[in-house]
Protein backbone atom coordinates (compact mmCIF):
# COMPACT_ATOMS: atom_id res chain seq x y z
CA MET A 1 174.02 95.07 218.86
CA ALA A 2 172.50 93.39 215.86
CA GLU A 3 174.54 93.31 212.68
CA LYS A 4 173.28 95.49 209.88
CA GLU A 5 171.69 93.52 207.09
CA THR A 6 173.77 93.62 203.93
CA VAL A 7 171.71 95.01 201.07
CA LEU A 8 172.69 94.03 197.55
CA LYS A 9 172.41 97.14 195.43
CA ILE A 10 171.46 96.24 191.87
CA GLU A 11 171.97 98.64 189.00
CA PRO A 12 168.60 98.91 187.18
CA SER A 13 170.16 98.34 183.75
CA THR A 14 172.17 95.26 184.70
CA GLU A 15 169.60 92.73 183.47
CA GLU A 16 169.41 94.40 180.08
CA LYS A 17 173.20 94.57 179.86
CA ILE A 18 173.36 90.82 180.51
CA LYS A 19 170.74 90.05 177.85
CA GLU A 20 172.45 92.31 175.31
CA ALA A 21 175.82 90.67 175.98
CA ALA A 22 174.29 87.19 175.81
CA THR A 23 172.46 87.94 172.56
CA LYS A 24 175.68 89.26 170.98
CA LEU A 25 177.67 86.17 171.98
CA PHE A 26 174.91 83.65 171.17
CA ILE A 27 174.70 85.18 167.68
CA GLU A 28 178.48 85.20 167.18
CA LYS A 29 179.34 81.82 168.72
CA GLY A 30 176.10 79.87 169.12
CA PHE A 31 174.64 78.46 172.31
CA ALA A 32 177.05 75.55 172.74
CA ALA A 33 180.26 77.59 172.40
CA THR A 34 179.17 80.47 174.63
CA ARG A 35 180.20 80.30 178.30
CA THR A 36 178.49 82.19 181.10
CA ARG A 37 181.88 83.60 182.05
CA ASP A 38 182.18 85.07 178.54
CA ILE A 39 178.76 86.69 178.90
CA ALA A 40 179.66 88.18 182.29
CA THR A 41 182.89 89.61 180.85
CA GLU A 42 181.06 91.06 177.83
CA ALA A 43 178.47 92.66 180.13
CA GLY A 44 181.19 94.06 182.40
CA ILE A 45 179.97 92.27 185.53
CA ASN A 46 181.11 89.36 187.69
CA LEU A 47 179.78 85.84 187.28
CA ALA A 48 177.96 85.88 190.62
CA LEU A 49 175.85 88.83 189.51
CA LEU A 50 174.95 87.07 186.26
CA ASN A 51 173.85 84.02 188.26
CA TYR A 52 171.80 86.31 190.52
CA TYR A 53 169.67 87.28 187.54
CA PHE A 54 169.77 84.05 185.53
CA ARG A 55 170.29 80.70 187.23
CA SER A 56 171.94 79.06 184.23
CA LYS A 57 173.06 79.58 180.64
CA GLU A 58 170.01 77.58 179.54
CA LYS A 59 167.64 79.93 181.38
CA LEU A 60 169.36 82.99 179.93
CA PHE A 61 169.25 81.52 176.43
CA GLU A 62 165.54 80.75 176.84
CA VAL A 63 164.88 84.40 177.73
CA VAL A 64 167.00 85.69 174.82
CA MET A 65 165.39 83.32 172.31
CA THR A 66 161.84 84.08 173.49
CA GLU A 67 162.46 87.82 173.24
CA SER A 68 164.12 87.43 169.82
CA LEU A 69 161.13 85.46 168.50
CA ALA A 70 158.72 87.98 169.99
CA LEU A 71 160.65 90.80 168.30
CA PHE A 72 160.58 88.94 164.97
CA LEU A 73 156.81 88.42 165.18
CA ARG A 74 155.82 91.70 166.86
CA GLY A 75 153.23 93.56 164.82
CA LEU A 76 152.86 90.76 162.24
CA GLU A 77 149.53 89.41 163.50
CA GLU A 78 147.99 92.90 163.46
CA ILE A 79 148.98 93.40 159.81
CA LEU A 80 147.80 89.93 158.70
CA ASN A 81 144.42 90.20 160.42
CA ASP A 82 143.48 93.72 159.34
CA VAL A 83 140.10 93.20 157.67
CA ASN A 84 140.21 96.70 156.19
CA THR A 85 143.20 96.10 153.90
CA VAL A 86 143.43 94.27 150.58
CA LEU A 87 146.01 91.56 149.94
CA LYS A 88 148.52 93.86 148.19
CA ASP A 89 148.42 96.31 151.11
CA LYS A 90 149.07 93.50 153.58
CA ILE A 91 152.08 92.33 151.57
CA ALA A 92 153.39 95.90 151.46
CA GLY A 93 152.83 96.21 155.21
CA VAL A 94 154.71 92.99 155.97
CA ALA A 95 157.58 94.00 153.65
CA SER A 96 157.94 97.44 155.20
CA HIS A 97 157.67 96.05 158.74
CA TYR A 98 160.36 93.40 158.28
CA ILE A 99 162.78 95.52 156.28
CA ASP A 100 162.70 98.22 158.97
CA LEU A 101 163.10 95.60 161.71
CA LEU A 102 165.94 93.68 160.05
CA LYS A 103 167.88 96.82 159.15
CA LYS A 104 168.06 97.44 162.89
CA HIS A 105 168.65 93.78 163.79
CA PRO A 106 170.30 92.17 160.72
CA ASP A 107 171.59 89.13 162.66
CA LEU A 108 168.18 88.27 164.10
CA PRO A 109 166.89 85.82 161.42
CA LEU A 110 170.12 83.82 161.17
CA PHE A 111 170.34 83.53 164.95
CA ILE A 112 166.75 82.28 165.22
CA LEU A 113 167.05 79.87 162.28
CA THR A 114 170.38 78.42 163.44
CA GLU A 115 169.24 77.76 167.00
CA ILE A 116 165.82 76.42 166.00
CA LYS A 117 167.49 74.00 163.59
CA ALA A 118 169.71 72.84 166.44
CA ASN A 119 166.69 72.40 168.71
CA PRO A 120 163.28 72.65 166.95
CA SER A 121 161.38 72.25 170.22
CA ARG A 122 162.43 75.77 171.23
CA LEU A 123 160.04 77.19 168.64
CA GLU A 124 157.25 74.67 169.11
CA ALA A 125 157.16 75.20 172.85
CA ASP A 126 156.58 78.95 172.67
CA LEU A 127 154.85 79.85 169.44
CA SER A 128 152.48 78.29 166.94
CA ILE A 129 153.42 80.40 163.96
CA GLN A 130 151.90 78.13 161.34
CA GLU A 131 148.55 78.12 163.16
CA MET A 132 148.60 81.91 163.43
CA LEU A 133 149.27 82.22 159.70
CA LYS A 134 146.60 79.70 158.65
CA GLU A 135 143.97 81.40 160.80
CA SER A 136 144.78 84.89 159.57
CA ASN A 137 142.71 87.08 157.26
CA PHE A 138 145.79 87.23 155.00
CA TYR A 139 145.76 83.45 154.51
CA LYS A 140 142.04 83.51 153.68
CA GLN A 141 142.60 86.27 151.14
CA LEU A 142 145.38 84.23 149.52
CA GLU A 143 143.08 81.20 149.29
CA ALA A 144 140.30 83.28 147.75
CA THR A 145 142.62 84.99 145.25
CA THR A 146 144.24 81.79 144.02
CA ASN A 147 140.94 79.87 144.16
CA LYS A 148 142.92 77.13 146.00
CA LYS A 149 144.98 76.37 142.88
CA ILE A 150 148.07 76.42 145.09
CA ALA A 151 148.62 76.08 148.82
CA PRO A 152 148.93 79.57 150.31
CA MET A 153 151.99 78.42 152.29
CA HIS A 154 153.95 78.34 148.99
CA LEU A 155 153.31 82.06 148.57
CA ILE A 156 154.05 82.80 152.23
CA MET A 157 157.36 80.93 151.97
CA ASN A 158 158.22 82.85 148.79
CA MET A 159 157.43 86.14 150.51
CA LEU A 160 159.47 85.30 153.60
CA GLY A 161 162.33 84.09 151.41
CA ILE A 162 162.63 87.34 149.45
CA LEU A 163 162.26 89.33 152.67
CA VAL A 164 164.64 87.46 154.96
CA PHE A 165 167.32 85.97 152.71
CA PRO A 166 169.09 89.26 151.86
CA PHE A 167 169.74 89.76 155.58
CA VAL A 168 170.78 86.14 156.14
CA GLY A 169 173.13 86.43 153.16
CA SER A 170 174.27 89.98 153.93
CA PRO A 171 177.86 88.97 154.87
CA VAL A 172 178.24 87.85 151.23
CA LEU A 173 176.03 90.49 149.64
CA ARG A 174 177.56 93.55 151.30
CA GLY A 175 181.03 94.66 152.33
CA GLU A 176 182.24 95.79 155.73
CA ASP A 177 182.86 99.47 154.97
CA GLU A 178 180.24 102.14 155.70
CA GLN A 179 179.65 102.89 152.00
CA SER A 180 178.77 99.25 151.30
CA LYS A 181 176.37 99.18 154.27
CA THR A 182 174.72 102.39 153.08
CA GLU A 183 174.25 100.93 149.60
CA PHE A 184 172.85 97.71 151.06
CA ASP A 185 170.36 99.64 153.21
CA GLN A 186 169.27 101.60 150.14
CA LEU A 187 168.64 98.35 148.25
CA MET A 188 166.53 97.10 151.18
CA GLU A 189 164.49 100.30 151.11
CA GLU A 190 163.86 99.80 147.38
CA ARG A 191 162.55 96.30 148.12
CA LYS A 192 159.63 97.83 150.03
CA TYR A 193 158.41 98.95 146.61
CA TRP A 194 159.38 95.87 144.60
CA ILE A 195 158.28 93.01 146.86
CA PRO A 196 154.52 93.76 146.58
CA ILE A 197 154.95 93.99 142.79
CA TRP A 198 156.80 90.66 142.63
CA MET A 199 154.20 88.96 144.81
CA GLU A 200 151.36 90.38 142.72
CA ALA A 201 153.05 89.01 139.59
CA MET A 202 153.24 85.55 141.19
CA LEU A 203 149.54 85.71 142.04
CA LYS A 204 148.61 86.77 138.50
CA THR A 205 150.63 83.90 137.05
CA ILE A 206 148.82 81.41 139.27
CA THR A 207 145.30 82.77 138.66
CA SER A 208 145.81 82.98 134.88
CA LYS A 209 146.40 79.20 134.61
């Protein structure tokens, strides 16, 4: 009598649990200090099951980083290339998009920046962000507005700085209690209003010279 074939029953949510655990530990400890055994423990599974889904820590990190970058950029291209919106509306759209995103994922920018600095090729291999920006309708509108008096990338860097830095610096800027977090979130909501005004003031200063 032939032996019954052993069927490995996989819980549908296991892959997501592994990625969530890995993301948490990669953010807290960095790639180098995170062990696959730590990830398996965090996910509540054994190491063999982790290896079933992801052959190595490097492969798992690649998946986590790619998904983190995709999350960070999701929806951006659509906003920047909308030919029916003026420059101020695009800036307001980007501000609102990123503030909502980073309130949900406040550790995302620091994680991406830290790991890309450690290995810049991780970004270059997957995404050409600078090319996407330079080819966008937003970039062309910046060039036209400033009459090429200043490289549009200066303004883009300024905008990203005032958007992202509060979340990168949040451990210093906010406390750990719920009241402090609520106040911080309220400040971020207010920035949806102020960032377009600040950017418009920068543009007026440049065009008036």
